PDB file of N, CA and C in Angstrom:
ATOM      1  N   MET A   1      47.399  36.924  40.411  1.00  0.00           N
ATOM      2  CA  MET A   1      48.767  37.413  41.126  1.00  0.00           C
ATOM      3  C   MET A   1      48.870  36.627  42.330  1.00  0.00           C
ATOM      4  N   GLN A   2      50.018  36.319  42.732  1.00  0.00           N
ATOM      5  CA  GLN A   2      50.280  35.486  43.845  1.00  0.00           C
ATOM      6  C   GLN A   2      51.567  36.121  44.579  1.00  0.00           C
ATOM      7  N   ALA A   3      51.472  35.852  46.018  1.00  0.00           N
ATOM      8  CA  ALA A   3      52.481  36.402  46.882  1.00  0.00           C
ATOM      9  C   ALA A   3      53.065  35.288  47.402  1.00  0.00           C
ATOM     10  N   VAL A   4      54.391  35.402  47.666  1.00  0.00           N
ATOM     11  CA  VAL A   4      55.259  34.145  48.240  1.00  0.00           C
ATOM     12  C   VAL A   4      56.067  35.126  49.015  1.00  0.00           C
ATOM     13  N   THR A   5      56.326  34.367  50.106  1.00  0.00           N
ATOM     14  CA  THR A   5      57.424  35.090  51.081  1.00  0.00           C
ATOM     15  C   THR A   5      58.393  34.055  51.561  1.00  0.00           C
ATOM     16  N   VAL A   6      59.641  34.412  51.629  1.00  0.00           N
ATOM     17  CA  VAL A   6      60.654  33.623  52.231  1.00  0.00           C
ATOM     18  C   VAL A   6      61.307  34.108  53.506  1.00  0.00           C
ATOM     19  N   CYS A   7      61.331  33.064  54.333  1.00  0.00           N
ATOM     20  CA  CYS A   7      62.038  33.592  55.607  1.00  0.00           C
ATOM     21  C   CYS A   7      63.163  32.543  56.060  1.00  0.00           C
ATOM     22  N   GLY A   8      63.957  33.035  57.079  1.00  0.00           N
ATOM     23  CA  GLY A   8      65.140  32.212  57.555  1.00  0.00           C
ATOM     24  C   GLY A   8      64.603  31.199  58.594  1.00  0.00           C
ATOM     25  N   ASP A   9      63.453  30.909  58.796  1.00  0.00           N
ATOM     26  CA  ASP A   9      62.990  29.743  59.662  1.00  0.00           C
ATOM     27  C   ASP A   9      63.181  28.531  58.983  1.00  0.00           C
ATOM     28  N   LYS A  10      62.923  27.359  59.825  1.00  0.00           N
ATOM     29  CA  LYS A  10      62.796  26.213  59.323  1.00  0.00           C
ATOM     30  C   LYS A  10      61.567  25.820  58.720  1.00  0.00           C
ATOM     31  N   PRO A  11      61.597  25.104  57.637  1.00  0.00           N
ATOM     32  CA  PRO A  11      60.237  24.880  56.833  1.00  0.00           C
ATOM     33  C   PRO A  11      59.068  24.766  57.692  1.00  0.00           C
ATOM     34  N   GLU A  12      59.143  23.798  58.756  1.00  0.00           N
ATOM     35  CA  GLU A  12      58.030  23.344  59.541  1.00  0.00           C
ATOM     36  C   GLU A  12      57.675  24.590  60.310  1.00  0.00           C
ATOM     37  N   ASP A  13      58.472  25.394  60.923  1.00  0.00           N
ATOM     38  CA  ASP A  13      58.124  26.578  61.714  1.00  0.00           C
ATOM     39  C   ASP A  13      57.610  27.714  60.862  1.00  0.00           C
ATOM     40  N   ALA A  14      57.999  27.972  59.568  1.00  0.00           N
ATOM     41  CA  ALA A  14      57.339  28.819  58.754  1.00  0.00           C
ATOM     42  C   ALA A  14      55.977  28.373  58.451  1.00  0.00           C
ATOM     43  N   LYS A  15      55.818  27.095  58.288  1.00  0.00           N
ATOM     44  CA  LYS A  15      54.319  26.580  57.898  1.00  0.00           C
ATOM     45  C   LYS A  15      53.407  26.904  59.061  1.00  0.00           C
ATOM     46  N   ASN A  16      53.853  26.525  60.184  1.00  0.00           N
ATOM     47  CA  ASN A  16      53.087  26.668  61.354  1.00  0.00           C
ATOM     48  C   ASN A  16      52.885  28.096  61.686  1.00  0.00           C
ATOM     49  N   GLY A  17      53.894  29.029  61.666  1.00  0.00           N
ATOM     50  CA  GLY A  17      53.625  30.347  61.777  1.00  0.00           C
ATOM     51  C   GLY A  17      52.630  30.986  60.781  1.00  0.00           C
ATOM     52  N   ALA A  18      52.853  30.496  59.566  1.00  0.00           N
ATOM     53  CA  ALA A  18      51.666  31.011  58.622  1.00  0.00           C
ATOM     54  C   ALA A  18      50.285  30.619  58.736  1.00  0.00           C
ATOM     55  N   GLU A  19      50.292  29.412  59.135  1.00  0.00           N
ATOM     56  CA  GLU A  19      48.778  28.945  59.754  1.00  0.00           C
ATOM     57  C   GLU A  19      48.381  29.422  60.659  1.00  0.00           C
ATOM     58  N   LYS A  20      49.149  29.795  61.816  1.00  0.00           N
ATOM     59  CA  LYS A  20      48.580  30.337  63.082  1.00  0.00           C
ATOM     60  C   LYS A  20      48.237  32.020  62.644  1.00  0.00           C
ATOM     61  N   SER A  21      48.998  32.636  61.764  1.00  0.00           N
ATOM     62  CA  SER A  21      48.795  33.914  61.380  1.00  0.00           C
ATOM     63  C   SER A  21      47.510  34.077  60.464  1.00  0.00           C
ATOM     64  N   GLY A  22      47.116  33.013  59.851  1.00  0.00           N
ATOM     65  CA  GLY A  22      46.115  32.999  58.715  1.00  0.00           C
ATOM     66  C   GLY A  22      46.473  33.653  57.523  1.00  0.00           C
ATOM     67  N   VAL A  23      47.595  33.654  57.107  1.00  0.00           N
ATOM     68  CA  VAL A  23      48.022  34.220  55.752  1.00  0.00           C
ATOM     69  C   VAL A  23      47.373  33.098  54.595  1.00  0.00           C
ATOM     70  N   ASP A  24      47.049  33.885  53.506  1.00  0.00           N
ATOM     71  CA  ASP A  24      46.909  33.119  52.467  1.00  0.00           C
ATOM     72  C   ASP A  24      47.718  33.135  51.223  1.00  0.00           C
ATOM     73  N   PHE A  25      48.929  33.032  51.447  1.00  0.00           N
ATOM     74  CA  PHE A  25      49.969  33.020  50.550  1.00  0.00           C
ATOM     75  C   PHE A  25      51.026  32.036  50.834  1.00  0.00           C
ATOM     76  N   HIS A  26      51.864  31.702  49.954  1.00  0.00           N
ATOM     77  CA  HIS A  26      53.006  30.594  50.301  1.00  0.00           C
ATOM     78  C   HIS A  26      54.047  31.237  51.045  1.00  0.00           C
ATOM     79  N   VAL A  27      54.246  30.473  52.223  1.00  0.00           N
ATOM     80  CA  VAL A  27      55.604  30.874  53.025  1.00  0.00           C
ATOM     81  C   VAL A  27      56.670  29.763  53.138  1.00  0.00           C
ATOM     82  N   ILE A  28      57.614  30.140  52.416  1.00  0.00           N
ATOM     83  CA  ILE A  28      58.865  29.167  52.229  1.00  0.00           C
ATOM     84  C   ILE A  28      59.931  29.264  53.564  1.00  0.00           C
ATOM     85  N   GLY A  29      60.216  28.309  54.340  1.00  0.00           N
ATOM     86  CA  GLY A  29      61.272  28.408  55.146  1.00  0.00           C
ATOM     87  C   GLY A  29      62.554  27.989  54.550  1.00  0.00           C
ATOM     88  N   ASP A  30      63.527  29.046  54.781  1.00  0.00           N
ATOM     89  CA  ASP A  30      64.932  28.814  54.146  1.00  0.00           C
ATOM     90  C   ASP A  30      66.095  28.884  55.368  1.00  0.00           C
ATOM     91  N   SER A  31      65.945  28.013  56.155  1.00  0.00           N
ATOM     92  CA  SER A  31      66.826  28.097  57.464  1.00  0.00           C
ATOM     93  C   SER A  31      68.310  27.771  56.912  1.00  0.00           C
ATOM     94  N   GLU A  32      68.570  27.222  55.840  1.00  0.00           N
ATOM     95  CA  GLU A  32      70.047  27.206  55.277  1.00  0.00           C
ATOM     96  C   GLU A  32      70.127  28.364  54.466  1.00  0.00           C
ATOM     97  N   LEU A  33      69.473  29.245  54.272  1.00  0.00           N
ATOM     98  CA  LEU A  33      69.628  30.605  53.757  1.00  0.00           C
ATOM     99  C   LEU A  33      70.150  30.509  52.054  1.00  0.00           C
ATOM    100  N   LYS A  34      69.651  29.369  51.621  1.00  0.00           N
ATOM    101  CA  LYS A  34      70.046  29.139  50.039  1.00  0.00           C
ATOM    102  C   LYS A  34      69.212  30.192  49.251  1.00  0.00           C
ATOM    103  N   ILE A  35      68.002  30.343  49.404  1.00  0.00           N
ATOM    104  CA  ILE A  35      67.189  31.444  48.620  1.00  0.00           C
ATOM    105  C   ILE A  35      67.698  32.795  48.943  1.00  0.00           C
ATOM    106  N   ILE A  36      67.881  33.051  50.123  1.00  0.00           N
ATOM    107  CA  ILE A  36      68.379  34.391  50.697  1.00  0.00           C
ATOM    108  C   ILE A  36      69.689  34.736  50.222  1.00  0.00           C
ATOM    109  N   ASN A  37      70.558  33.840  50.189  1.00  0.00           N
ATOM    110  CA  ASN A  37      71.955  33.918  49.713  1.00  0.00           C
ATOM    111  C   ASN A  37      71.833  34.272  48.132  1.00  0.00           C
ATOM    112  N   ALA A  38      71.044  33.451  47.447  1.00  0.00           N
ATOM    113  CA  ALA A  38      70.830  33.529  45.902  1.00  0.00           C
ATOM    114  C   ALA A  38      70.451  34.856  45.486  1.00  0.00           C
ATOM    115  N   TRP A  39      69.670  35.428  46.401  1.00  0.00           N
ATOM    116  CA  TRP A  39      68.881  36.736  45.926  1.00  0.00           C
ATOM    117  C   TRP A  39      69.704  37.922  46.642  1.00  0.00           C
ATOM    118  N   GLY A  40      70.822  37.696  47.184  1.00  0.00           N
ATOM    119  CA  GLY A  40      71.662  38.828  47.852  1.00  0.00           C
ATOM    120  C   GLY A  40      71.212  39.376  49.084  1.00  0.00           C
ATOM    121  N   LEU A  41      70.434  38.730  49.845  1.00  0.00           N
ATOM    122  CA  LEU A  41      69.587  39.326  50.924  1.00  0.00           C
ATOM    123  C   LEU A  41      70.204  38.921  52.443  1.00  0.00           C
ATOM    124  N   ARG A  42      71.293  38.365  52.361  1.00  0.00           N
ATOM    125  CA  ARG A  42      71.889  38.053  53.778  1.00  0.00           C
ATOM    126  C   ARG A  42      72.357  39.220  54.455  1.00  0.00           C
ATOM    127  N   HIS A  43      72.075  39.251  55.633  1.00  0.00           N
ATOM    128  CA  HIS A  43      72.601  40.547  56.581  1.00  0.00           C
ATOM    129  C   HIS A  43      73.285  39.723  57.666  1.00  0.00           C
ATOM    130  N   GLU A  44      74.598  39.792  57.285  1.00  0.00           N
ATOM    131  CA  GLU A  44      75.717  39.398  58.488  1.00  0.00           C
ATOM    132  C   GLU A  44      75.530  40.113  59.700  1.00  0.00           C
ATOM    133  N   GLU A  45      75.653  39.322  60.727  1.00  0.00           N
ATOM    134  CA  GLU A  45      75.744  39.974  62.035  1.00  0.00           C
ATOM    135  C   GLU A  45      74.467  41.050  62.215  1.00  0.00           C
ATOM    136  N   ALA A  46      73.299  40.785  61.783  1.00  0.00           N
ATOM    137  CA  ALA A  46      72.418  41.862  61.825  1.00  0.00           C
ATOM    138  C   ALA A  46      72.133  42.238  63.326  1.00  0.00           C
ATOM    139  N   VAL A  47      72.082  41.289  64.124  1.00  0.00           N
ATOM    140  CA  VAL A  47      72.153  41.516  65.628  1.00  0.00           C
ATOM    141  C   VAL A  47      73.408  40.776  65.903  1.00  0.00           C
ATOM    142  N   PRO A  48      74.312  41.132  66.944  1.00  0.00           N
ATOM    143  CA  PRO A  48      75.554  40.492  67.350  1.00  0.00           C
ATOM    144  C   PRO A  48      75.275  38.882  67.504  1.00  0.00           C
ATOM    145  N   GLY A  49      76.177  38.196  66.624  1.00  0.00           N
ATOM    146  CA  GLY A  49      76.044  36.609  66.668  1.00  0.00           C
ATOM    147  C   GLY A  49      74.911  36.110  65.825  1.00  0.00           C
ATOM    148  N   LYS A  50      74.163  36.966  65.129  1.00  0.00           N
ATOM    149  CA  LYS A  50      73.097  36.390  64.362  1.00  0.00           C
ATOM    150  C   LYS A  50      73.150  36.869  63.037  1.00  0.00           C
ATOM    151  N   THR A  51      72.955  36.120  62.047  1.00  0.00           N
ATOM    152  CA  THR A  51      72.764  36.429  60.689  1.00  0.00           C
ATOM    153  C   THR A  51      71.196  36.237  60.235  1.00  0.00           C
ATOM    154  N   THR A  52      70.732  37.005  59.435  1.00  0.00           N
ATOM    155  CA  THR A  52      69.325  37.008  59.231  1.00  0.00           C
ATOM    156  C   THR A  52      69.204  37.443  57.703  1.00  0.00           C
ATOM    157  N   ALA A  53      68.070  37.726  57.140  1.00  0.00           N
ATOM    158  CA  ALA A  53      67.779  38.179  55.877  1.00  0.00           C
ATOM    159  C   ALA A  53      67.214  39.631  55.961  1.00  0.00           C
ATOM    160  N   ARG A  54      67.677  40.276  55.076  1.00  0.00           N
ATOM    161  CA  ARG A  54      67.075  41.809  54.804  1.00  0.00           C
ATOM    162  C   ARG A  54      65.772  41.579  54.344  1.00  0.00           C
ATOM    163  N   PRO A  55      64.789  42.501  54.769  1.00  0.00           N
ATOM    164  CA  PRO A  55      63.293  42.232  54.135  1.00  0.00           C
ATOM    165  C   PRO A  55      63.545  43.028  52.643  1.00  0.00           C
ATOM    166  N   ALA A  56      62.799  42.272  51.738  1.00  0.00           N
ATOM    167  CA  ALA A  56      62.786  42.547  50.329  1.00  0.00           C
ATOM    168  C   ALA A  56      61.591  42.147  49.665  1.00  0.00           C
ATOM    169  N   ALA A  57      61.173  42.890  48.575  1.00  0.00           N
ATOM    170  CA  ALA A  57      60.078  42.531  47.910  1.00  0.00           C
ATOM    171  C   ALA A  57      60.420  42.623  46.488  1.00  0.00           C
ATOM    172  N   PHE A  58      60.118  41.584  45.786  1.00  0.00           N
ATOM    173  CA  PHE A  58      60.385  41.466  44.206  1.00  0.00           C
ATOM    174  C   PHE A  58      58.968  41.471  43.620  1.00  0.00           C
ATOM    175  N   PHE A  59      58.799  42.329  42.736  1.00  0.00           N
ATOM    176  CA  PHE A  59      57.444  42.463  41.774  1.00  0.00           C
ATOM    177  C   PHE A  59      57.639  41.859  40.435  1.00  0.00           C
ATOM    178  N   VAL A  60      57.187  40.710  40.230  1.00  0.00           N
ATOM    179  CA  VAL A  60      57.270  39.911  38.963  1.00  0.00           C
ATOM    180  C   VAL A  60      56.160  40.108  37.958  1.00  0.00           C
ATOM    181  N   THR A  61      56.408  40.173  36.832  1.00  0.00           N
ATOM    182  CA  THR A  61      55.471  40.412  35.700  1.00  0.00           C
ATOM    183  C   THR A  61      54.852  39.018  35.328  1.00  0.00           C
ATOM    184  N   ALA A  62      53.851  39.040  34.594  1.00  0.00           N
ATOM    185  CA  ALA A  62      53.188  37.709  34.355  1.00  0.00           C
ATOM    186  C   ALA A  62      54.090  36.999  33.500  1.00  0.00           C
ATOM    187  N   GLU A  63      55.021  37.599  32.778  1.00  0.00           N
ATOM    188  CA  GLU A  63      56.033  36.927  31.961  1.00  0.00           C
ATOM    189  C   GLU A  63      57.171  36.348  32.688  1.00  0.00           C
ATOM    190  N   GLY A  64      57.388  36.582  33.985  1.00  0.00           N
ATOM    191  CA  GLY A  64      58.390  36.117  34.997  1.00  0.00           C
ATOM    192  C   GLY A  64      59.648  37.231  35.092  1.00  0.00           C
ATOM    193  N   LYS A  65      59.511  38.370  34.708  1.00  0.00           N
ATOM    194  CA  LYS A  65      60.375  39.338  34.653  1.00  0.00           C
ATOM    195  C   LYS A  65      60.354  40.191  35.898  1.00  0.00           C
ATOM    196  N   ILE A  66      61.465  40.537  36.689  1.00  0.00           N
ATOM    197  CA  ILE A  66      61.263  41.411  37.726  1.00  0.00           C
ATOM    198  C   ILE A  66      61.045  42.876  37.278  1.00  0.00           C
ATOM    199  N   ALA A  67      60.025  43.531  37.685  1.00  0.00           N
ATOM    200  CA  ALA A  67      59.615  44.889  37.291  1.00  0.00           C
ATOM    201  C   ALA A  67      60.014  45.837  38.203  1.00  0.00           C
ATOM    202  N   HIS A  68      60.165  45.430  39.400  1.00  0.00           N
ATOM    203  CA  HIS A  68      60.469  46.350  40.521  1.00  0.00           C
ATOM    204  C   HIS A  68      61.062  45.734  41.837  1.00  0.00           C
ATOM    205  N   SER A  69      61.835  46.196  42.450  1.00  0.00           N
ATOM    206  CA  SER A  69      62.272  45.418  43.689  1.00  0.00           C
ATOM    207  C   SER A  69      62.560  46.512  44.799  1.00  0.00           C
ATOM    208  N   VAL A  70      62.295  46.218  45.997  1.00  0.00           N
ATOM    209  CA  VAL A  70      62.524  47.036  47.237  1.00  0.00           C
ATOM    210  C   VAL A  70      63.541  46.168  48.146  1.00  0.00           C
ATOM    211  N   GLN A  71      64.710  46.617  48.261  1.00  0.00           N
ATOM    212  CA  GLN A  71      65.753  45.988  48.875  1.00  0.00           C
ATOM    213  C   GLN A  71      66.530  46.806  49.957  1.00  0.00           C
ATOM    214  N   PRO A  72      66.031  46.985  51.074  1.00  0.00           N
ATOM    215  CA  PRO A  72      66.608  47.880  52.082  1.00  0.00           C
ATOM    216  C   PRO A  72      68.007  47.239  52.318  1.00  0.00           C
ATOM    217  N   ASP A  73      69.056  48.071  52.871  1.00  0.00           N
ATOM    218  CA  ASP A  73      70.311  47.421  53.216  1.00  0.00           C
ATOM    219  C   ASP A  73      70.393  47.021  54.472  1.00  0.00           C
ATOM    220  N   ASN A  74      69.454  47.275  55.261  1.00  0.00           N
ATOM    221  CA  ASN A  74      69.264  46.992  56.776  1.00  0.00           C
ATOM    222  C   ASN A  74      68.035  46.191  57.075  1.00  0.00           C
ATOM    223  N   TYR A  75      67.943  45.094  57.994  1.00  0.00           N
ATOM    224  CA  TYR A  75      67.002  44.405  58.076  1.00  0.00           C
ATOM    225  C   TYR A  75      65.849  45.007  59.024  1.00  0.00           C
ATOM    226  N   ARG A  76      66.195  46.096  59.607  1.00  0.00           N
ATOM    227  CA  ARG A  76      65.299  46.825  60.558  1.00  0.00           C
ATOM    228  C   ARG A  76      64.472  47.770  59.671  1.00  0.00           C
ATOM    229  N   LYS A  77      64.762  47.913  58.396  1.00  0.00           N
ATOM    230  CA  LYS A  77      63.937  48.807  57.496  1.00  0.00           C
ATOM    231  C   LYS A  77      62.991  48.033  56.682  1.00  0.00           C
ATOM    232  N   ARG A  78      61.757  48.336  56.703  1.00  0.00           N
ATOM    233  CA  ARG A  78      60.580  47.880  56.217  1.00  0.00           C
ATOM    234  C   ARG A  78      60.046  48.650  54.982  1.00  0.00           C
ATOM    235  N   MET A  79      59.200  48.043  54.102  1.00  0.00           N
ATOM    236  CA  MET A  79      58.794  48.700  52.855  1.00  0.00           C
ATOM    237  C   MET A  79      57.392  49.290  53.430  1.00  0.00           C
ATOM    238  N   ASP A  80      57.129  50.430  53.053  1.00  0.00           N
ATOM    239  CA  ASP A  80      55.885  51.035  53.423  1.00  0.00           C
ATOM    240  C   ASP A  80      54.714  50.755  52.235  1.00  0.00           C
ATOM    241  N   ALA A  81      53.541  51.093  52.857  1.00  0.00           N
ATOM    242  CA  ALA A  81      52.615  50.621  51.864  1.00  0.00           C
ATOM    243  C   ALA A  81      52.656  51.258  50.450  1.00  0.00           C
ATOM    244  N   GLU A  82      53.033  52.625  50.257  1.00  0.00           N
ATOM    245  CA  GLU A  82      53.188  53.363  49.115  1.00  0.00           C
ATOM    246  C   GLU A  82      54.132  52.691  48.075  1.00  0.00           C
ATOM    247  N   ALA A  83      55.103  52.063  48.798  1.00  0.00           N
ATOM    248  CA  ALA A  83      56.322  51.471  47.957  1.00  0.00           C
ATOM    249  C   ALA A  83      55.763  50.248  47.372  1.00  0.00           C
ATOM    250  N   PHE A  84      54.856  49.454  48.379  1.00  0.00           N
ATOM    251  CA  PHE A  84      54.228  48.125  47.844  1.00  0.00           C
ATOM    252  C   PHE A  84      53.305  48.374  46.639  1.00  0.00           C
ATOM    253  N   ARG A  85      52.417  49.492  46.884  1.00  0.00           N
ATOM    254  CA  ARG A  85      51.431  49.850  45.814  1.00  0.00           C
ATOM    255  C   ARG A  85      52.205  49.930  44.567  1.00  0.00           C
ATOM    256  N   ALA A  86      53.340  50.826  44.477  1.00  0.00           N
ATOM    257  CA  ALA A  86      54.093  51.284  43.252  1.00  0.00           C
ATOM    258  C   ALA A  86      54.783  49.908  42.690  1.00  0.00           C
ATOM    259  N   GLY A  87      55.209  49.159  43.524  1.00  0.00           N
ATOM    260  CA  GLY A  87      55.685  47.812  42.871  1.00  0.00           C
ATOM    261  C   GLY A  87      54.804  47.012  42.149  1.00  0.00           C
ATOM    262  N   LEU A  88      53.539  46.975  42.877  1.00  0.00           N
ATOM    263  CA  LEU A  88      52.319  46.263  42.114  1.00  0.00           C
ATOM    264  C   LEU A  88      51.950  46.862  40.741  1.00  0.00           C
ATOM    265  N   ARG A  89      52.003  48.302  40.929  1.00  0.00           N
ATOM    266  CA  ARG A  89      51.602  48.966  39.560  1.00  0.00           C
ATOM    267  C   ARG A  89      52.545  48.600  38.393  1.00  0.00           C
ATOM    268  N   LYS A  90      53.959  48.732  38.652  1.00  0.00           N
ATOM    269  CA  LYS A  90      55.001  48.327  37.754  1.00  0.00           C
ATOM    270  C   LYS A  90      54.841  47.086  37.259  1.00  0.00           C
ATOM    271  N   ALA A  91      54.444  46.048  38.114  1.00  0.00           N
ATOM    272  CA  ALA A  91      54.590  44.617  37.908  1.00  0.00           C
ATOM    273  C   ALA A  91      53.352  44.543  36.835  1.00  0.00           C
ATOM    274  N   MET A  92      52.196  45.129  37.029  1.00  0.00           N
ATOM    275  CA  MET A  92      51.165  45.118  36.227  1.00  0.00           C
ATOM    276  C   MET A  92      50.974  45.904  34.985  1.00  0.00           C
ATOM    277  N   GLY A  93      52.093  46.626  34.792  1.00  0.00           N
ATOM    278  CA  GLY A  93      52.294  47.540  33.620  1.00  0.00           C
ATOM    279  C   GLY A  93      51.438  48.803  33.668  1.00  0.00           C
ATOM    280  N   LYS A  94      51.196  49.364  35.001  1.00  0.00           N
ATOM    281  CA  LYS A  94      50.545  50.616  35.013  1.00  0.00           C
ATOM    282  C   LYS A  94      51.349  51.735  35.417  1.00  0.00           C
TER     283      LYS A  94
END
């Protein structure tokens, strides 16, 4: 199983932030919002004058199908631990 995160930072900033934080998964900087837009996660004017991404999690099966997703409508809402565990269970077929 692998985790990947996408953020609205420049690629080099995302890489540096991941290294400083010590995360052991892939962090993709998407400052042009191409991935964020493709997945429908753009949050226009989240903060006045600033567009950002809504937090979301997609749980993908070994076959590459989305088994579950958590996509809040507001960038301030985050997924809790139980929602994360439930998504993992669905992706693993449990």
